[in-house]
Amino acid sequence: MTLFWNRKGQILFRLPMAIKVFAPAKINLSLHVIGRRGDGYHLLDSLVAFADLGDHLQLEPEPEMAIELSGPFAEGVPQDQRNLVWKAAQGLGWAGAIHLNKQLPHGAGIGGGSSDAAAVLNALAAEGLTVPPELPLSLGADLPVCMVARGARMQGIGEQITPVPLPELPALLVNPGCHVPTGAVFSALQSRENAPMPTEVPRFDGISDCADWLVEQRNDLEAPARGAAPDIDRVLGDLTASKGALLSRMSGSGATCFALYPTKKAAHMAAYEIGAEHPDWWIRAVTLR
């Protein structure tokens, strides 16, 4: 066994040589903006799923905090206190080396940084550290749901999480490579007082049943994001036109969009066809849960 230290050099607990952690992509199957609090925080009602694709982290014992980056989207990711994984570890009083392999584009509406931080919190909690109840939400609205990392309904400002059983959903994720600032998208919202999802999310019999229900929901951030980044229109058009697509929508505040398909084969075929036309786009066939 190897020791882990906090920033003061005090031993916190014993762990194996290294802990490997997976941080899945978060997909907002729906995202209703239903109000705004006096402090400026928006009230949300969102059905969230997670992909079998994501970033990979490894935690190792070192006397000082350090973040090491690799992967296709490592460029531009901070390696200091600005990084959410640093803040998450620091919030638990832990210090060490965090190796972060960035497979997900950042600023893409799929919770990359939030999922990374949530994975760190879950890993350290599993080894005996206590996560203060207020810590996840203080790091971001997506942290609480990312700690669940399964189908869930997210309400309030992100603090109300209700697990929702979802069928395995074959999907295609597409990002055209443009960054959409979240603040600008919220600022461009025409209305902040929109209808929530139905009171009860039904139990879905299968993929088509889930997609049919989702068609009646929406992402209220999609319209302002499309105004800020016209490439999103092209992505959604290509996804909608792809063979077998049951639903296409933007995730989060963009620019990643997704489509649901009846089978994994259909999702992979769509990935091939869209990828052939747009080789510079980030395109991944996944399963959402």
Protein backbone atom coordinates (compact mmCIF):
# COMPACT_ATOMS: atom_id res chain seq x y z
CA MET A 1 0.00 0.00 0.00
CA THR A 2 1.07 3.58 -0.63
CA LEU A 3 0.29 6.68 1.39
CA PHE A 4 -1.65 9.73 0.25
CA TRP A 5 -0.90 13.10 1.82
CA ASN A 6 -2.79 16.34 2.17
CA ARG A 7 -1.19 19.68 1.31
CA LYS A 8 0.36 19.95 4.79
CA GLY A 9 2.15 16.65 4.39
CA GLN A 10 -0.20 14.87 6.80
CA ILE A 11 -1.18 11.31 5.94
CA LEU A 12 -4.88 11.06 5.20
CA PHE A 13 -5.38 7.41 4.32
CA ARG A 14 -3.83 4.44 2.54
CA LEU A 15 -4.58 3.60 -1.09
CA PRO A 16 -3.26 1.36 -3.84
CA MET A 17 -0.44 2.77 -5.94
CA ALA A 18 -2.91 4.46 -8.29
CA ILE A 19 -6.66 4.83 -8.77
CA LYS A 20 -8.06 4.83 -12.28
CA VAL A 21 -11.29 6.73 -12.80
CA PHE A 22 -13.70 7.13 -15.73
CA ALA A 23 -15.60 10.41 -16.23
CA PRO A 24 -18.45 9.88 -18.72
CA ALA A 25 -19.89 12.49 -21.06
CA LYS A 26 -23.12 14.02 -19.75
CA ILE A 27 -25.95 14.48 -22.24
CA ASN A 28 -28.99 16.67 -21.56
CA LEU A 29 -31.77 14.75 -23.28
CA SER A 30 -33.98 17.70 -22.37
CA LEU A 31 -33.23 21.04 -20.73
CA HIS A 32 -36.09 23.31 -19.66
CA VAL A 33 -35.25 26.72 -18.19
CA ILE A 34 -38.20 27.37 -15.88
CA GLY A 35 -37.23 30.45 -13.88
CA ARG A 36 -34.52 32.59 -12.37
CA ARG A 37 -33.75 33.21 -8.73
CA GLY A 38 -33.06 36.61 -7.27
CA ASP A 39 -29.35 35.80 -7.05
CA GLY A 40 -29.22 35.24 -10.81
CA TYR A 41 -29.11 31.43 -10.83
CA HIS A 42 -31.39 29.83 -13.40
CA LEU A 43 -33.89 27.15 -12.39
CA LEU A 44 -33.68 24.07 -14.59
CA ASP A 45 -35.62 20.90 -15.27
CA SER A 46 -33.52 18.44 -17.26
CA LEU A 47 -33.41 14.75 -18.06
CA VAL A 48 -29.78 13.68 -18.16
CA ALA A 49 -28.06 10.55 -19.43
CA PHE A 50 -24.41 9.48 -19.53
CA ALA A 51 -22.37 7.96 -22.34
CA ASP A 52 -19.96 5.05 -22.42
CA LEU A 53 -17.40 7.58 -23.65
CA GLY A 54 -15.51 10.05 -21.51
CA ASP A 55 -12.29 11.28 -19.99
CA HIS A 56 -9.91 9.05 -18.05
CA LEU A 57 -8.16 10.04 -14.83
CA GLN A 58 -5.56 8.46 -12.61
CA LEU A 59 -4.88 9.58 -9.05
CA GLU A 60 -1.43 8.96 -7.65
CA PRO A 61 0.19 9.74 -4.28
CA GLU A 62 2.46 12.78 -4.34
CA PRO A 63 3.27 15.38 -1.65
CA GLU A 64 2.06 18.26 -3.82
CA MET A 65 -0.94 18.80 -6.05
CA ALA A 66 -0.23 18.52 -9.77
CA ILE A 67 -2.30 17.95 -12.91
CA GLU A 68 -0.75 16.21 -15.89
CA LEU A 69 -2.62 16.32 -19.21
CA SER A 70 -2.81 14.09 -22.24
CA GLY A 71 -5.32 13.24 -24.94
CA PRO A 72 -6.67 14.99 -28.04
CA PHE A 73 -8.28 17.83 -26.07
CA ALA A 74 -5.53 18.54 -23.54
CA GLU A 75 -4.62 21.88 -25.10
CA GLY A 76 -6.06 24.83 -23.23
CA VAL A 77 -7.04 22.88 -20.11
CA PRO A 78 -5.69 24.64 -16.98
CA GLN A 79 -3.23 22.73 -14.81
CA ASP A 80 -3.66 24.82 -11.68
CA GLN A 81 -6.36 25.94 -9.21
CA ARG A 82 -8.64 26.96 -12.08
CA ASN A 83 -9.25 23.32 -12.97
CA LEU A 84 -12.34 21.77 -11.36
CA VAL A 85 -10.51 18.53 -10.56
CA TRP A 86 -7.97 20.54 -8.56
CA LYS A 87 -10.79 22.30 -6.72
CA ALA A 88 -12.58 19.01 -6.06
CA ALA A 89 -9.49 17.34 -4.58
CA GLN A 90 -8.61 20.45 -2.60
CA GLY A 91 -12.15 20.60 -1.25
CA LEU A 92 -11.58 17.18 0.33
CA GLY A 93 -8.18 18.16 1.71
CA TRP A 94 -6.39 15.78 -0.64
CA ALA A 95 -3.22 16.48 -2.61
CA GLY A 96 -1.51 14.33 -5.21
CA ALA A 97 -0.90 13.89 -8.92
CA ILE A 98 -3.92 13.74 -11.20
CA HIS A 99 -3.32 12.44 -14.70
CA LEU A 100 -6.16 13.66 -16.91
CA ASN A 101 -6.64 12.16 -20.36
CA LYS A 102 -9.02 14.53 -22.17
CA GLN A 103 -11.09 12.59 -24.69
CA LEU A 104 -14.03 15.03 -24.57
CA PRO A 105 -13.99 18.48 -26.15
CA HIS A 106 -14.24 21.16 -23.47
CA GLY A 107 -16.85 23.90 -23.46
CA ALA A 108 -19.04 21.53 -25.49
CA GLY A 109 -22.20 21.14 -23.40
CA ILE A 110 -21.41 17.57 -22.35
CA GLY A 111 -20.09 18.23 -18.84
CA GLY A 112 -16.43 17.36 -19.41
CA GLY A 113 -14.92 19.38 -16.56
CA SER A 114 -17.84 18.74 -14.22
CA SER A 115 -17.74 15.01 -14.88
CA ASP A 116 -13.98 14.96 -14.26
CA ALA A 117 -14.42 16.69 -10.90
CA ALA A 118 -17.34 14.45 -9.94
CA ALA A 119 -15.28 11.36 -10.75
CA VAL A 120 -12.51 12.60 -8.45
CA LEU A 121 -15.00 13.23 -5.62
CA ASN A 122 -16.55 9.77 -6.07
CA ALA A 123 -13.16 8.05 -6.16
CA LEU A 124 -11.90 9.73 -3.01
CA ALA A 125 -15.23 9.19 -1.24
CA ALA A 126 -15.01 5.47 -2.05
CA GLU A 127 -11.64 5.43 -0.27
CA GLY A 128 -12.98 6.95 2.92
CA LEU A 129 -13.00 10.72 2.54
CA THR A 130 -16.24 12.54 3.32
CA VAL A 131 -17.67 14.83 0.65
CA PRO A 132 -19.23 17.92 2.31
CA PRO A 133 -22.86 18.18 1.11
CA GLU A 134 -22.36 21.70 -0.19
CA LEU A 135 -19.13 20.98 -2.11
CA PRO A 136 -20.43 19.49 -5.39
CA LEU A 137 -22.91 22.29 -6.14
CA SER A 138 -20.33 24.92 -5.19
CA LEU A 139 -18.17 23.60 -8.03
CA GLY A 140 -20.94 23.86 -10.62
CA ALA A 141 -24.58 23.10 -11.38
CA ASP A 142 -23.69 19.85 -13.19
CA LEU A 143 -21.59 18.35 -10.38
CA PRO A 144 -24.41 16.72 -8.37
CA VAL A 145 -25.88 14.91 -11.39
CA CYS A 146 -22.43 13.96 -12.65
CA MET A 147 -21.76 12.26 -9.32
CA VAL A 148 -24.78 10.02 -10.04
CA ALA A 149 -23.48 9.34 -13.59
CA ARG A 150 -26.66 7.51 -14.60
CA GLY A 151 -30.04 8.56 -15.96
CA ALA A 152 -31.46 11.25 -13.69
CA ARG A 153 -33.73 14.26 -13.52
CA MET A 154 -31.92 17.44 -12.50
CA GLN A 155 -34.01 20.26 -11.02
CA GLY A 156 -33.60 23.52 -9.12
CA ILE A 157 -30.17 25.01 -9.76
CA GLY A 158 -28.77 21.50 -10.04
CA GLU A 159 -29.13 20.36 -6.43
CA GLN A 160 -32.31 18.26 -6.83
CA ILE A 161 -31.42 14.89 -8.35
CA THR A 162 -33.92 12.08 -8.96
CA PRO A 163 -32.63 8.85 -10.54
CA VAL A 164 -34.59 7.86 -13.67
CA PRO A 165 -34.30 4.34 -15.15
CA LEU A 166 -33.51 4.67 -18.84
CA PRO A 167 -33.20 2.01 -21.53
CA GLU A 168 -29.85 1.79 -23.22
CA LEU A 169 -30.03 4.46 -25.92
CA PRO A 170 -27.87 4.14 -29.05
CA ALA A 171 -26.80 7.67 -29.94
CA LEU A 172 -24.48 9.75 -32.05
CA LEU A 173 -22.65 12.75 -30.60
CA VAL A 174 -21.47 15.44 -33.00
CA ASN A 175 -19.54 18.63 -32.28
CA PRO A 176 -18.57 20.93 -35.16
CA GLY A 177 -15.58 22.31 -33.28
CA CYS A 178 -16.99 25.69 -32.28
CA HIS A 179 -17.01 26.96 -28.70
CA VAL A 180 -20.27 28.45 -27.40
CA PRO A 181 -19.88 30.53 -24.19
CA THR A 182 -22.53 29.43 -21.69
CA GLY A 183 -23.01 32.95 -20.34
CA ALA A 184 -23.74 34.34 -23.79
CA VAL A 185 -26.29 31.61 -24.46
CA PHE A 186 -28.19 32.27 -21.22
CA SER A 187 -28.04 36.02 -21.86
CA ALA A 188 -29.68 35.54 -25.25
CA LEU A 189 -32.63 33.56 -23.85
CA GLN A 190 -35.92 35.06 -24.99
CA SER A 191 -37.78 33.71 -21.95
CA ARG A 192 -36.62 32.46 -18.56
CA GLU A 193 -40.09 31.41 -17.39
CA ASN A 194 -40.85 28.30 -19.43
CA ALA A 195 -42.91 25.19 -18.73
CA PRO A 196 -41.20 22.36 -16.85
CA MET A 197 -41.24 18.73 -17.91
CA PRO A 198 -44.29 16.67 -16.88
CA THR A 199 -44.50 15.98 -13.15
CA GLU A 200 -43.67 12.32 -13.65
CA VAL A 201 -41.14 10.88 -16.05
CA PRO A 202 -42.66 7.59 -17.25
CA ARG A 203 -40.98 4.21 -17.24
CA PHE A 204 -39.95 3.63 -20.82
CA ASP A 205 -40.58 0.30 -22.54
CA GLY A 206 -37.71 0.79 -24.93
CA ILE A 207 -35.74 3.14 -27.15
CA SER A 208 -38.62 4.27 -29.37
CA ASP A 209 -40.87 4.86 -26.37
CA CYS A 210 -38.23 7.07 -24.77
CA ALA A 211 -37.55 8.98 -28.00
CA ASP A 212 -41.28 9.58 -28.57
CA TRP A 213 -41.59 11.09 -25.10
CA LEU A 214 -38.48 13.22 -25.55
CA VAL A 215 -39.82 14.68 -28.80
CA GLU A 216 -42.42 16.46 -26.67
CA GLN A 217 -39.67 17.99 -24.50
CA ARG A 218 -37.06 20.55 -25.55
CA ASN A 219 -33.76 22.30 -24.90
CA ASP A 220 -34.52 25.96 -24.22
CA LEU A 221 -30.87 26.88 -24.82
CA GLU A 222 -30.85 25.49 -28.33
CA ALA A 223 -32.30 28.55 -30.07
CA PRO A 224 -29.89 31.12 -28.54
CA ALA A 225 -26.95 28.76 -29.09
CA ARG A 226 -27.89 28.36 -32.76
CA GLY A 227 -27.90 32.14 -33.03
CA ALA A 228 -24.42 32.33 -31.54
CA ALA A 229 -23.01 29.41 -33.55
CA PRO A 230 -24.74 28.79 -36.90
CA ASP A 231 -22.74 25.56 -37.36
CA ILE A 232 -25.15 23.98 -34.87
CA ASP A 233 -27.90 24.33 -37.50
CA ARG A 234 -25.86 22.25 -39.95
CA VAL A 235 -25.15 19.58 -37.33
CA LEU A 236 -28.80 19.26 -36.35
CA GLY A 237 -29.83 19.17 -39.99
CA ASP A 238 -27.42 16.35 -40.77
CA LEU A 239 -28.46 14.38 -37.68
CA THR A 240 -32.16 14.79 -38.44
CA ALA A 241 -31.61 13.64 -42.03
CA SER A 242 -29.53 10.61 -41.05
CA LYS A 243 -31.13 7.24 -41.62
CA GLY A 244 -33.04 5.90 -38.63
CA ALA A 245 -32.76 9.01 -36.45
CA LEU A 246 -35.56 9.06 -33.87
CA LEU A 247 -34.70 12.44 -32.31
CA SER A 248 -32.02 15.10 -32.73
CA ARG A 249 -31.25 17.84 -30.22
CA MET A 250 -28.47 19.95 -28.77
CA SER A 251 -27.03 19.00 -25.38
CA GLY A 252 -26.56 21.54 -22.60
CA SER A 253 -25.56 24.97 -23.84
CA GLY A 254 -23.89 23.48 -26.96
CA ALA A 255 -22.32 23.02 -29.34
CA THR A 256 -22.46 19.21 -29.09
CA CYS A 257 -25.65 17.75 -30.56
CA PHE A 258 -26.97 14.20 -30.44
CA ALA A 259 -29.40 11.90 -32.21
CA LEU A 260 -31.01 8.72 -30.92
CA TYR A 261 -31.30 5.60 -33.07
CA PRO A 262 -33.14 2.27 -32.81
CA THR A 263 -29.89 0.25 -32.92
CA LYS A 264 -26.17 0.67 -32.36
CA LYS A 265 -25.61 -0.31 -35.99
CA ALA A 266 -27.77 2.61 -37.15
CA ALA A 267 -25.80 5.02 -34.96
CA HIS A 268 -22.49 3.75 -36.35
CA MET A 269 -23.77 4.03 -39.92
CA ALA A 270 -24.80 7.63 -39.30
CA ALA A 271 -21.37 8.32 -37.81
CA TYR A 272 -19.73 6.96 -40.95
CA GLU A 273 -21.93 8.97 -43.33
CA ILE A 274 -21.69 12.28 -41.46
CA GLY A 275 -17.98 11.76 -40.81
CA ALA A 276 -17.30 11.21 -44.49
CA GLU A 277 -18.88 14.58 -45.27
CA HIS A 278 -17.37 16.42 -42.29
CA PRO A 279 -13.99 14.85 -41.42
CA ASP A 280 -13.11 17.85 -39.23
CA TRP A 281 -16.09 17.34 -36.90
CA TRP A 282 -15.89 15.39 -33.63
CA ILE A 283 -18.25 12.43 -34.16
CA ARG A 284 -18.75 9.52 -31.78
CA ALA A 285 -21.33 6.70 -31.69
CA VAL A 286 -22.15 5.88 -28.06
CA THR A 287 -24.65 4.21 -25.78
CA LEU A 288 -26.45 6.46 -23.29
CA ARG A 289 -27.70 5.18 -19.94
